[in-house]
């Protein structure tokens, strides 16, 4: 992936090495997202819920990422974030909307968000309550070794997927899903979660399409890296590895084939209107960029 020399984002908070106290505010969709993330990575959600005592969050002092060239992986993340900002800002503008840039928090070991406390085992996640993406950069080692999905564009896909959740939040899709899940049974709630995640995959593909068209970021083999990552993180693949059995009704992110298919749809069309994964579901959206 061609990224060296690209614009770096001013929206990176570097909390690595900072002490973190446990505490939770809010709940609802934030707690759901952390639990879903736990299921995503084959973790018992109770492990996370037991780590979420009541009480307000501690005061956390953030520091801006220092652009000194001494931290290439952090520089890479910052460039990818900036590229998503440029892409989505333009797409929102074309549709008469204003894109609000999210923050990306780098943490090590554990992080306190408006959605609750989470340790690195949760993996990268987006908190809609504070409009921030959280990532421990050591996850990329897991991506390479556990998921067998190495490569810088696989890493970029992870960020673009989380930014896809931010786009959903700005469009009001997150709120609609939350309301529908409150009145749904467990199986239907899981299905809505799957549709949400697949749409984020499609939005990741949308970013890749426009970023490559505008800035020629892709090199040979990059697309295959992203598809390999999407496939490796399918629910069926993860369940087969962690449990030895696949239970479709418990899926929260979609199968490997589904994740690959929706990323490819976004990448091949470049049209956010093609990312309506909620058609023929209990939650019908008029269109991802519709009124």
C-alpha atoms as a PDB file:
ATOM      1  CA  UNK A   1       0.000   0.000   0.000  1.00  0.00           C
ATOM      2  CA  UNK A   2       1.350   3.432  -0.945  1.00  0.00           C
ATOM      3  CA  UNK A   3       1.056   5.517   2.203  1.00  0.00           C
ATOM      4  CA  UNK A   4       4.477   6.976   3.038  1.00  0.00           C
ATOM      5  CA  UNK A   5       4.384  10.746   2.667  1.00  0.00           C
ATOM      6  CA  UNK A   6       0.603  10.871   2.933  1.00  0.00           C
ATOM      7  CA  UNK A   7      -1.193  13.424   5.074  1.00  0.00           C
ATOM      8  CA  UNK A   8      -1.388  12.444   8.741  1.00  0.00           C
ATOM      9  CA  UNK A   9      -4.534  13.066  10.749  1.00  0.00           C
ATOM     10  CA  UNK A  10      -4.709  15.486  13.650  1.00  0.00           C
ATOM     11  CA  UNK A  11      -7.353  13.273  15.255  1.00  0.00           C
ATOM     12  CA  UNK A  12      -5.078  10.680  16.863  1.00  0.00           C
ATOM     13  CA  UNK A  13      -4.910  10.420  20.653  1.00  0.00           C
ATOM     14  CA  UNK A  14      -1.916   8.476  21.908  1.00  0.00           C
ATOM     15  CA  UNK A  15      -2.658   6.974  25.325  1.00  0.00           C
ATOM     16  CA  UNK A  16      -0.067   4.225  25.148  1.00  0.00           C
ATOM     17  CA  UNK A  17       1.766   3.723  28.396  1.00  0.00           C
ATOM     18  CA  UNK A  18      -0.744   5.765  30.373  1.00  0.00           C
ATOM     19  CA  UNK A  19      -2.373   4.287  33.506  1.00  0.00           C
ATOM     20  CA  UNK A  20      -6.064   3.441  33.145  1.00  0.00           C
ATOM     21  CA  UNK A  21      -8.642   3.146  35.917  1.00  0.00           C
ATOM     22  CA  UNK A  22     -11.723   1.056  35.377  1.00  0.00           C
ATOM     23  CA  UNK A  23     -15.077   2.769  35.186  1.00  0.00           C
ATOM     24  CA  UNK A  24     -18.188   2.848  33.021  1.00  0.00           C
ATOM     25  CA  UNK A  25     -20.582   5.487  31.883  1.00  0.00           C
ATOM     26  CA  UNK A  26     -23.555   5.137  29.653  1.00  0.00           C
ATOM     27  CA  UNK A  27     -24.384   1.573  28.606  1.00  0.00           C
ATOM     28  CA  UNK A  28     -26.864   0.454  26.000  1.00  0.00           C
ATOM     29  CA  UNK A  29     -25.299   0.299  22.567  1.00  0.00           C
ATOM     30  CA  UNK A  30     -21.831   0.892  24.025  1.00  0.00           C
ATOM     31  CA  UNK A  31     -21.997  -2.177  26.233  1.00  0.00           C
ATOM     32  CA  UNK A  32     -23.521  -4.149  23.376  1.00  0.00           C
ATOM     33  CA  UNK A  33     -20.641  -3.230  21.089  1.00  0.00           C
ATOM     34  CA  UNK A  34     -18.030  -4.349  23.619  1.00  0.00           C
ATOM     35  CA  UNK A  35     -19.869  -7.632  24.153  1.00  0.00           C
ATOM     36  CA  UNK A  36     -20.212  -8.135  20.401  1.00  0.00           C
ATOM     37  CA  UNK A  37     -16.508  -7.462  20.049  1.00  0.00           C
ATOM     38  CA  UNK A  38     -15.847 -10.127  22.664  1.00  0.00           C
ATOM     39  CA  UNK A  39     -17.926 -12.644  20.754  1.00  0.00           C
ATOM     40  CA  UNK A  40     -16.112 -11.573  17.594  1.00  0.00           C
ATOM     41  CA  UNK A  41     -12.795 -12.656  19.046  1.00  0.00           C
ATOM     42  CA  UNK A  42     -14.112 -15.803  20.749  1.00  0.00           C
ATOM     43  CA  UNK A  43     -14.054 -14.322  24.264  1.00  0.00           C
ATOM     44  CA  UNK A  44     -16.677 -15.070  26.913  1.00  0.00           C
ATOM     45  CA  UNK A  45     -18.564 -11.714  27.234  1.00  0.00           C
ATOM     46  CA  UNK A  46     -18.903 -12.256  30.971  1.00  0.00           C
ATOM     47  CA  UNK A  47     -15.170 -11.707  31.272  1.00  0.00           C
ATOM     48  CA  UNK A  48     -15.660  -8.182  29.985  1.00  0.00           C
ATOM     49  CA  UNK A  49     -18.918  -7.481  31.814  1.00  0.00           C
ATOM     50  CA  UNK A  50     -17.336  -8.493  35.102  1.00  0.00           C
ATOM     51  CA  UNK A  51     -14.693  -5.860  34.483  1.00  0.00           C
ATOM     52  CA  UNK A  52     -17.255  -3.082  34.092  1.00  0.00           C
ATOM     53  CA  UNK A  53     -18.191  -1.757  37.561  1.00  0.00           C
ATOM     54  CA  UNK A  54     -20.560   1.164  37.969  1.00  0.00           C
ATOM     55  CA  UNK A  55     -19.185   4.632  38.400  1.00  0.00           C
ATOM     56  CA  UNK A  56     -17.981   7.573  36.392  1.00  0.00           C
ATOM     57  CA  UNK A  57     -14.902   7.422  34.206  1.00  0.00           C
ATOM     58  CA  UNK A  58     -11.584   8.672  35.465  1.00  0.00           C
ATOM     59  CA  UNK A  59     -10.147  11.830  34.088  1.00  0.00           C
ATOM     60  CA  UNK A  60      -7.908  10.845  31.213  1.00  0.00           C
ATOM     61  CA  UNK A  61      -5.306  13.183  29.830  1.00  0.00           C
ATOM     62  CA  UNK A  62      -4.661  12.573  26.150  1.00  0.00           C
ATOM     63  CA  UNK A  63      -1.662  13.517  24.120  1.00  0.00           C
ATOM     64  CA  UNK A  64      -1.485  14.112  20.437  1.00  0.00           C
ATOM     65  CA  UNK A  65       0.510  11.625  18.408  1.00  0.00           C
ATOM     66  CA  UNK A  66       3.969  13.003  17.795  1.00  0.00           C
ATOM     67  CA  UNK A  67       4.812  13.022  14.120  1.00  0.00           C
ATOM     68  CA  UNK A  68       8.533  12.434  14.499  1.00  0.00           C
ATOM     69  CA  UNK A  69       8.895   9.423  12.214  1.00  0.00           C
ATOM     70  CA  UNK A  70      10.070   7.211  15.074  1.00  0.00           C
ATOM     71  CA  UNK A  71       6.862   5.180  15.224  1.00  0.00           C
ATOM     72  CA  UNK A  72       6.103   3.927  11.698  1.00  0.00           C
ATOM     73  CA  UNK A  73       3.042   1.843  12.648  1.00  0.00           C
ATOM     74  CA  UNK A  74       1.439   4.794  14.441  1.00  0.00           C
ATOM     75  CA  UNK A  75       2.344   6.970  11.448  1.00  0.00           C
ATOM     76  CA  UNK A  76       0.675   4.417   9.169  1.00  0.00           C
ATOM     77  CA  UNK A  77      -2.518   4.417  11.215  1.00  0.00           C
ATOM     78  CA  UNK A  78      -2.567   8.206  11.193  1.00  0.00           C
ATOM     79  CA  UNK A  79      -2.212   8.323   7.399  1.00  0.00           C
ATOM     80  CA  UNK A  80      -4.991   5.769   6.889  1.00  0.00           C
ATOM     81  CA  UNK A  81      -7.259   7.716   9.240  1.00  0.00           C
ATOM     82  CA  UNK A  82      -6.551  10.909   7.299  1.00  0.00           C
ATOM     83  CA  UNK A  83      -7.380   9.119   4.065  1.00  0.00           C
ATOM     84  CA  UNK A  84     -10.746   7.969   5.443  1.00  0.00           C
ATOM     85  CA  UNK A  85     -11.408  11.558   6.508  1.00  0.00           C
ATOM     86  CA  UNK A  86     -10.762  12.845   2.993  1.00  0.00           C
ATOM     87  CA  UNK A  87     -12.875  10.120   1.387  1.00  0.00           C
ATOM     88  CA  UNK A  88     -15.928  10.338   3.636  1.00  0.00           C
ATOM     89  CA  UNK A  89     -15.851  14.118   3.835  1.00  0.00           C
ATOM     90  CA  UNK A  90     -16.152  14.228   0.055  1.00  0.00           C
ATOM     91  CA  UNK A  91     -18.866  11.557  -0.106  1.00  0.00           C
ATOM     92  CA  UNK A  92     -20.933  13.277   2.570  1.00  0.00           C
ATOM     93  CA  UNK A  93     -20.551  16.631   0.822  1.00  0.00           C
ATOM     94  CA  UNK A  94     -21.793  15.140  -2.464  1.00  0.00           C
ATOM     95  CA  UNK A  95     -24.921  14.018  -0.653  1.00  0.00           C
ATOM     96  CA  UNK A  96     -25.591  17.315   1.092  1.00  0.00           C
ATOM     97  CA  UNK A  97     -24.285  16.136   4.452  1.00  0.00           C
ATOM     98  CA  UNK A  98     -21.439  17.126   6.745  1.00  0.00           C
ATOM     99  CA  UNK A  99     -18.915  14.555   7.855  1.00  0.00           C
ATOM    100  CA  UNK A 100     -17.785  14.839  11.461  1.00  0.00           C
ATOM    101  CA  UNK A 101     -14.295  13.450  11.861  1.00  0.00           C
ATOM    102  CA  UNK A 102     -13.866  10.811  14.582  1.00  0.00           C
ATOM    103  CA  UNK A 103     -10.932  10.447  16.938  1.00  0.00           C
ATOM    104  CA  UNK A 104      -8.665   7.402  16.901  1.00  0.00           C
ATOM    105  CA  UNK A 105      -7.249   6.368  20.260  1.00  0.00           C
ATOM    106  CA  UNK A 106      -4.039   4.347  20.468  1.00  0.00           C
ATOM    107  CA  UNK A 107      -3.824   2.432  23.729  1.00  0.00           C
ATOM    108  CA  UNK A 108      -1.767  -0.329  25.256  1.00  0.00           C
ATOM    109  CA  UNK A 109      -3.268  -3.057  27.400  1.00  0.00           C
ATOM    110  CA  UNK A 110      -6.559  -1.392  28.305  1.00  0.00           C
ATOM    111  CA  UNK A 111      -8.641   1.666  27.495  1.00  0.00           C
ATOM    112  CA  UNK A 112     -11.423   3.663  29.101  1.00  0.00           C
ATOM    113  CA  UNK A 113     -14.072   4.875  26.669  1.00  0.00           C
ATOM    114  CA  UNK A 114     -17.534   6.376  26.957  1.00  0.00           C
ATOM    115  CA  UNK A 115     -18.769   2.855  26.190  1.00  0.00           C
ATOM    116  CA  UNK A 116     -16.899   1.303  29.097  1.00  0.00           C
ATOM    117  CA  UNK A 117     -13.605  -0.264  30.041  1.00  0.00           C
ATOM    118  CA  UNK A 118     -11.990  -2.711  27.644  1.00  0.00           C
ATOM    119  CA  UNK A 119      -8.704  -4.541  27.552  1.00  0.00           C
ATOM    120  CA  UNK A 120      -6.709  -5.382  24.457  1.00  0.00           C
ATOM    121  CA  UNK A 121      -8.369  -8.811  24.147  1.00  0.00           C
ATOM    122  CA  UNK A 122     -11.511  -7.083  22.879  1.00  0.00           C
ATOM    123  CA  UNK A 123      -9.683  -5.990  19.761  1.00  0.00           C
ATOM    124  CA  UNK A 124     -10.263  -2.724  17.861  1.00  0.00           C
ATOM    125  CA  UNK A 125     -13.686  -1.185  18.477  1.00  0.00           C
ATOM    126  CA  UNK A 126     -15.744   1.927  17.813  1.00  0.00           C
ATOM    127  CA  UNK A 127     -17.632   3.698  20.579  1.00  0.00           C
ATOM    128  CA  UNK A 128     -20.628   5.637  19.201  1.00  0.00           C
ATOM    129  CA  UNK A 129     -21.060   7.547  22.445  1.00  0.00           C
ATOM    130  CA  UNK A 130     -17.772   9.423  22.098  1.00  0.00           C
ATOM    131  CA  UNK A 131     -17.209   9.042  18.318  1.00  0.00           C
ATOM    132  CA  UNK A 132     -13.855   7.352  18.840  1.00  0.00           C
ATOM    133  CA  UNK A 133     -12.112   4.300  17.417  1.00  0.00           C
ATOM    134  CA  UNK A 134      -9.892   2.419  19.874  1.00  0.00           C
ATOM    135  CA  UNK A 135      -7.006   0.190  18.880  1.00  0.00           C
ATOM    136  CA  UNK A 136      -4.065  -1.462  20.581  1.00  0.00           C
ATOM    137  CA  UNK A 137      -1.501  -1.675  17.783  1.00  0.00           C
ATOM    138  CA  UNK A 138      -0.401  -5.073  19.060  1.00  0.00           C
ATOM    139  CA  UNK A 139      -3.614  -6.373  17.518  1.00  0.00           C
ATOM    140  CA  UNK A 140      -1.855  -6.237  14.183  1.00  0.00           C
ATOM    141  CA  UNK A 141       0.493  -8.935  15.406  1.00  0.00           C
ATOM    142  CA  UNK A 142      -2.581 -11.091  16.123  1.00  0.00           C
ATOM    143  CA  UNK A 143      -3.888 -10.263  12.668  1.00  0.00           C
ATOM    144  CA  UNK A 144      -0.679 -11.604  11.178  1.00  0.00           C
ATOM    145  CA  UNK A 145      -0.117 -14.603  13.433  1.00  0.00           C
ATOM    146  CA  UNK A 146      -3.544 -15.717  14.697  1.00  0.00           C
ATOM    147  CA  UNK A 147      -5.643 -14.754  11.710  1.00  0.00           C
ATOM    148  CA  UNK A 148      -2.916 -15.409   9.106  1.00  0.00           C
ATOM    149  CA  UNK A 149      -3.718 -12.105   7.439  1.00  0.00           C
ATOM    150  CA  UNK A 150      -0.487 -10.095   7.165  1.00  0.00           C
ATOM    151  CA  UNK A 151       0.069  -6.946   5.153  1.00  0.00           C
ATOM    152  CA  UNK A 152      -0.424  -3.213   5.483  1.00  0.00           C
ATOM    153  CA  UNK A 153      -3.665  -3.168   3.501  1.00  0.00           C
ATOM    154  CA  UNK A 154      -5.121  -5.809   5.815  1.00  0.00           C
ATOM    155  CA  UNK A 155      -4.264  -3.417   8.634  1.00  0.00           C
ATOM    156  CA  UNK A 156      -5.879  -0.533   6.766  1.00  0.00           C
ATOM    157  CA  UNK A 157      -9.032  -2.628   6.270  1.00  0.00           C
ATOM    158  CA  UNK A 158      -9.393  -2.974  10.045  1.00  0.00           C
ATOM    159  CA  UNK A 159      -9.344   0.801  10.492  1.00  0.00           C
ATOM    160  CA  UNK A 160     -11.674   1.383   7.548  1.00  0.00           C
ATOM    161  CA  UNK A 161     -14.165  -1.124   8.999  1.00  0.00           C
ATOM    162  CA  UNK A 162     -14.261   0.720  12.333  1.00  0.00           C
ATOM    163  CA  UNK A 163     -14.650   4.045  10.514  1.00  0.00           C
ATOM    164  CA  UNK A 164     -17.568   2.384   8.724  1.00  0.00           C
ATOM    165  CA  UNK A 165     -19.263   2.121  12.118  1.00  0.00           C
ATOM    166  CA  UNK A 166     -18.692   5.848  12.598  1.00  0.00           C
ATOM    167  CA  UNK A 167     -20.380   6.524   9.267  1.00  0.00           C
ATOM    168  CA  UNK A 168     -23.332   4.411  10.420  1.00  0.00           C
ATOM    169  CA  UNK A 169     -23.500   6.426  13.612  1.00  0.00           C
ATOM    170  CA  UNK A 170     -23.545   9.737  11.732  1.00  0.00           C
ATOM    171  CA  UNK A 171     -26.280   8.470   9.406  1.00  0.00           C
ATOM    172  CA  UNK A 172     -28.496   7.384  12.306  1.00  0.00           C
ATOM    173  CA  UNK A 173     -28.212   3.693  11.441  1.00  0.00           C
ATOM    174  CA  UNK A 174     -26.669   2.805  14.798  1.00  0.00           C
ATOM    175  CA  UNK A 175     -29.649   4.261  16.672  1.00  0.00           C
ATOM    176  CA  UNK A 176     -32.112   2.403  14.456  1.00  0.00           C
ATOM    177  CA  UNK A 177     -30.330  -0.898  15.025  1.00  0.00           C
ATOM    178  CA  UNK A 178     -30.222  -0.309  18.772  1.00  0.00           C
ATOM    179  CA  UNK A 179     -33.940   0.362  18.951  1.00  0.00           C
ATOM    180  CA  UNK A 180     -34.751  -2.700  16.847  1.00  0.00           C
ATOM    181  CA  UNK A 181     -32.522  -4.928  18.966  1.00  0.00           C
ATOM    182  CA  UNK A 182     -34.266  -3.851  22.167  1.00  0.00           C
ATOM    183  CA  UNK A 183     -37.519  -5.399  21.029  1.00  0.00           C
ATOM    184  CA  UNK A 184     -36.020  -8.382  19.198  1.00  0.00           C
ATOM    185  CA  UNK A 185     -35.219 -11.874  20.383  1.00  0.00           C
ATOM    186  CA  UNK A 186     -31.634 -13.029  20.674  1.00  0.00           C
ATOM    187  CA  UNK A 187     -31.461 -14.627  17.226  1.00  0.00           C
ATOM    188  CA  UNK A 188     -32.951 -11.594  15.472  1.00  0.00           C
ATOM    189  CA  UNK A 189     -30.728  -9.236  17.480  1.00  0.00           C
ATOM    190  CA  UNK A 190     -27.709 -11.234  16.294  1.00  0.00           C
ATOM    191  CA  UNK A 191     -28.915 -11.025  12.707  1.00  0.00           C
ATOM    192  CA  UNK A 192     -29.204  -7.248  12.971  1.00  0.00           C
ATOM    193  CA  UNK A 193     -25.676  -7.165  14.362  1.00  0.00           C
ATOM    194  CA  UNK A 194     -24.474  -9.199  11.382  1.00  0.00           C
ATOM    195  CA  UNK A 195     -26.130  -6.789   8.951  1.00  0.00           C
ATOM    196  CA  UNK A 196     -24.516  -3.872  10.782  1.00  0.00           C
ATOM    197  CA  UNK A 197     -21.063  -5.412  10.561  1.00  0.00           C
ATOM    198  CA  UNK A 198     -21.435  -6.382   6.917  1.00  0.00           C
ATOM    199  CA  UNK A 199     -22.430  -2.830   6.085  1.00  0.00           C
ATOM    200  CA  UNK A 200     -19.275  -1.603   7.836  1.00  0.00           C
ATOM    201  CA  UNK A 201     -17.322  -4.028   5.635  1.00  0.00           C
ATOM    202  CA  UNK A 202     -19.041  -2.582   2.576  1.00  0.00           C
ATOM    203  CA  UNK A 203     -18.202   0.944   3.728  1.00  0.00           C
ATOM    204  CA  UNK A 204     -14.582  -0.169   4.118  1.00  0.00           C
ATOM    205  CA  UNK A 205     -14.685  -1.242   0.488  1.00  0.00           C
ATOM    206  CA  UNK A 206     -16.182   2.131  -0.459  1.00  0.00           C
ATOM    207  CA  UNK A 207     -13.204   3.864   1.142  1.00  0.00           C
ATOM    208  CA  UNK A 208     -10.743   1.596  -0.678  1.00  0.00           C
ATOM    209  CA  UNK A 209     -12.423   2.291  -4.039  1.00  0.00           C
ATOM    210  CA  UNK A 210     -12.347   6.072  -3.713  1.00  0.00           C
ATOM    211  CA  UNK A 211      -8.933   6.270  -2.031  1.00  0.00           C
ATOM    212  CA  UNK A 212      -7.398   4.234  -4.832  1.00  0.00           C
ATOM    213  CA  UNK A 213      -9.222   6.140  -7.543  1.00  0.00           C
ATOM    214  CA  UNK A 214      -8.145   9.520  -6.124  1.00  0.00           C
ATOM    215  CA  UNK A 215      -4.723   8.712  -4.726  1.00  0.00           C
ATOM    216  CA  UNK A 216      -3.645   5.378  -6.292  1.00  0.00           C
ATOM    217  CA  UNK A 217      -2.880   3.768  -2.939  1.00  0.00           C
ATOM    218  CA  UNK A 218      -3.106   0.122  -4.017  1.00  0.00           C
ATOM    219  CA  UNK A 219      -0.137  -2.015  -4.950  1.00  0.00           C
ATOM    220  CA  UNK A 220      -0.102  -5.543  -6.292  1.00  0.00           C
ATOM    221  CA  UNK A 221      -1.531  -7.971  -3.757  1.00  0.00           C
ATOM    222  CA  UNK A 222      -3.155  -5.317  -1.539  1.00  0.00           C
ATOM    223  CA  UNK A 223      -6.737  -6.239  -2.365  1.00  0.00           C
ATOM    224  CA  UNK A 224      -5.993  -9.880  -1.623  1.00  0.00           C
ATOM    225  CA  UNK A 225      -4.641  -8.852   1.785  1.00  0.00           C
ATOM    226  CA  UNK A 226      -7.908  -7.138   2.705  1.00  0.00           C
ATOM    227  CA  UNK A 227     -10.004 -10.046   1.451  1.00  0.00           C
ATOM    228  CA  UNK A 228      -7.852 -12.506   3.393  1.00  0.00           C
ATOM    229  CA  UNK A 229      -8.405 -10.476   6.570  1.00  0.00           C
ATOM    230  CA  UNK A 230     -12.163 -10.237   5.992  1.00  0.00           C
ATOM    231  CA  UNK A 231     -12.353 -13.987   5.437  1.00  0.00           C
ATOM    232  CA  UNK A 232     -10.196 -14.856   8.445  1.00  0.00           C
ATOM    233  CA  UNK A 233     -12.405 -12.801  10.733  1.00  0.00           C
ATOM    234  CA  UNK A 234     -15.675 -14.386   9.645  1.00  0.00           C
ATOM    235  CA  UNK A 235     -17.747 -15.826  12.493  1.00  0.00           C
ATOM    236  CA  UNK A 236     -17.662 -19.319  11.035  1.00  0.00           C
ATOM    237  CA  UNK A 237     -13.872 -19.274  10.763  1.00  0.00           C
ATOM    238  CA  UNK A 238     -13.399 -17.945  14.295  1.00  0.00           C
ATOM    239  CA  UNK A 239     -15.927 -20.346  15.816  1.00  0.00           C
ATOM    240  CA  UNK A 240     -14.359 -23.299  14.041  1.00  0.00           C
ATOM    241  CA  UNK A 241     -10.972 -22.356  15.467  1.00  0.00           C
ATOM    242  CA  UNK A 242     -12.094 -21.494  18.999  1.00  0.00           C
ATOM    243  CA  UNK A 243     -15.007 -23.922  19.551  1.00  0.00           C
ATOM    244  CA  UNK A 244     -14.607 -26.568  16.923  1.00  0.00           C
ATOM    245  CA  UNK A 245     -18.228 -26.100  15.880  1.00  0.00           C
ATOM    246  CA  UNK A 246     -20.097 -23.447  13.882  1.00  0.00           C
ATOM    247  CA  UNK A 247     -23.380 -22.033  15.247  1.00  0.00           C
ATOM    248  CA  UNK A 248     -24.904 -19.674  12.629  1.00  0.00           C
ATOM    249  CA  UNK A 249     -27.615 -18.315  14.955  1.00  0.00           C
ATOM    250  CA  UNK A 250     -24.863 -16.961  17.202  1.00  0.00           C
ATOM    251  CA  UNK A 251     -23.112 -15.072  14.403  1.00  0.00           C
ATOM    252  CA  UNK A 252     -22.617 -11.371  15.140  1.00  0.00           C
ATOM    253  CA  UNK A 253     -20.320 -10.305  12.276  1.00  0.00           C
ATOM    254  CA  UNK A 254     -21.178 -12.610   9.388  1.00  0.00           C
ATOM    255  CA  UNK A 255     -19.547 -15.566   7.712  1.00  0.00           C
ATOM    256  CA  UNK A 256     -16.244 -15.379   5.879  1.00  0.00           C
ATOM    257  CA  UNK A 257     -18.016 -15.473   2.518  1.00  0.00           C
ATOM    258  CA  UNK A 258     -20.409 -12.711   3.548  1.00  0.00           C
ATOM    259  CA  UNK A 259     -17.676 -10.431   4.807  1.00  0.00           C
ATOM    260  CA  UNK A 260     -15.622 -10.882   1.646  1.00  0.00           C
ATOM    261  CA  UNK A 261     -18.695 -10.384  -0.550  1.00  0.00           C
ATOM    262  CA  UNK A 262     -19.765  -7.111   1.061  1.00  0.00           C
ATOM    263  CA  UNK A 263     -16.268  -5.644   1.091  1.00  0.00           C
ATOM    264  CA  UNK A 264     -15.975  -6.504  -2.595  1.00  0.00           C
ATOM    265  CA  UNK A 265     -19.372  -4.912  -3.318  1.00  0.00           C
ATOM    266  CA  UNK A 266     -18.188  -1.639  -1.824  1.00  0.00           C
ATOM    267  CA  UNK A 267     -14.831  -1.839  -3.567  1.00  0.00           C
ATOM    268  CA  UNK A 268     -16.293  -2.697  -6.957  1.00  0.00           C
ATOM    269  CA  UNK A 269     -19.118  -0.130  -6.988  1.00  0.00           C
ATOM    270  CA  UNK A 270     -17.840   2.780  -4.912  1.00  0.00           C
ATOM    271  CA  UNK A 271     -21.507   3.537  -4.235  1.00  0.00           C
ATOM    272  CA  UNK A 272     -22.625   3.762  -0.579  1.00  0.00           C
ATOM    273  CA  UNK A 273     -26.170   3.182  -1.795  1.00  0.00           C
ATOM    274  CA  UNK A 274     -25.147  -0.388  -2.622  1.00  0.00           C
ATOM    275  CA  UNK A 275     -24.340  -1.060   1.042  1.00  0.00           C
ATOM    276  CA  UNK A 276     -27.898  -1.434   2.338  1.00  0.00           C
ATOM    277  CA  UNK A 277     -27.507  -4.767   4.096  1.00  0.00           C
ATOM    278  CA  UNK A 278     -30.817  -4.218   5.871  1.00  0.00           C
ATOM    279  CA  UNK A 279     -33.058  -4.947   2.890  1.00  0.00           C
ATOM    280  CA  UNK A 280     -35.549  -7.738   3.572  1.00  0.00           C
ATOM    281  CA  UNK A 281     -34.938  -7.516   7.321  1.00  0.00           C
ATOM    282  CA  UNK A 282     -37.030  -6.391  10.278  1.00  0.00           C
ATOM    283  CA  UNK A 283     -35.205  -3.063   9.978  1.00  0.00           C
ATOM    284  CA  UNK A 284     -35.739  -1.458   6.581  1.00  0.00           C
ATOM    285  CA  UNK A 285     -33.599   1.555   5.750  1.00  0.00           C
ATOM    286  CA  UNK A 286     -34.544   3.738   2.812  1.00  0.00           C
ATOM    287  CA  UNK A 287     -30.894   3.957   1.779  1.00  0.00           C
ATOM    288  CA  UNK A 288     -27.563   4.534   3.439  1.00  0.00           C
ATOM    289  CA  UNK A 289     -27.404   8.057   2.073  1.00  0.00           C
ATOM    290  CA  UNK A 290     -31.148   8.506   1.630  1.00  0.00           C
ATOM    291  CA  UNK A 291     -33.297  11.129   3.358  1.00  0.00           C
END
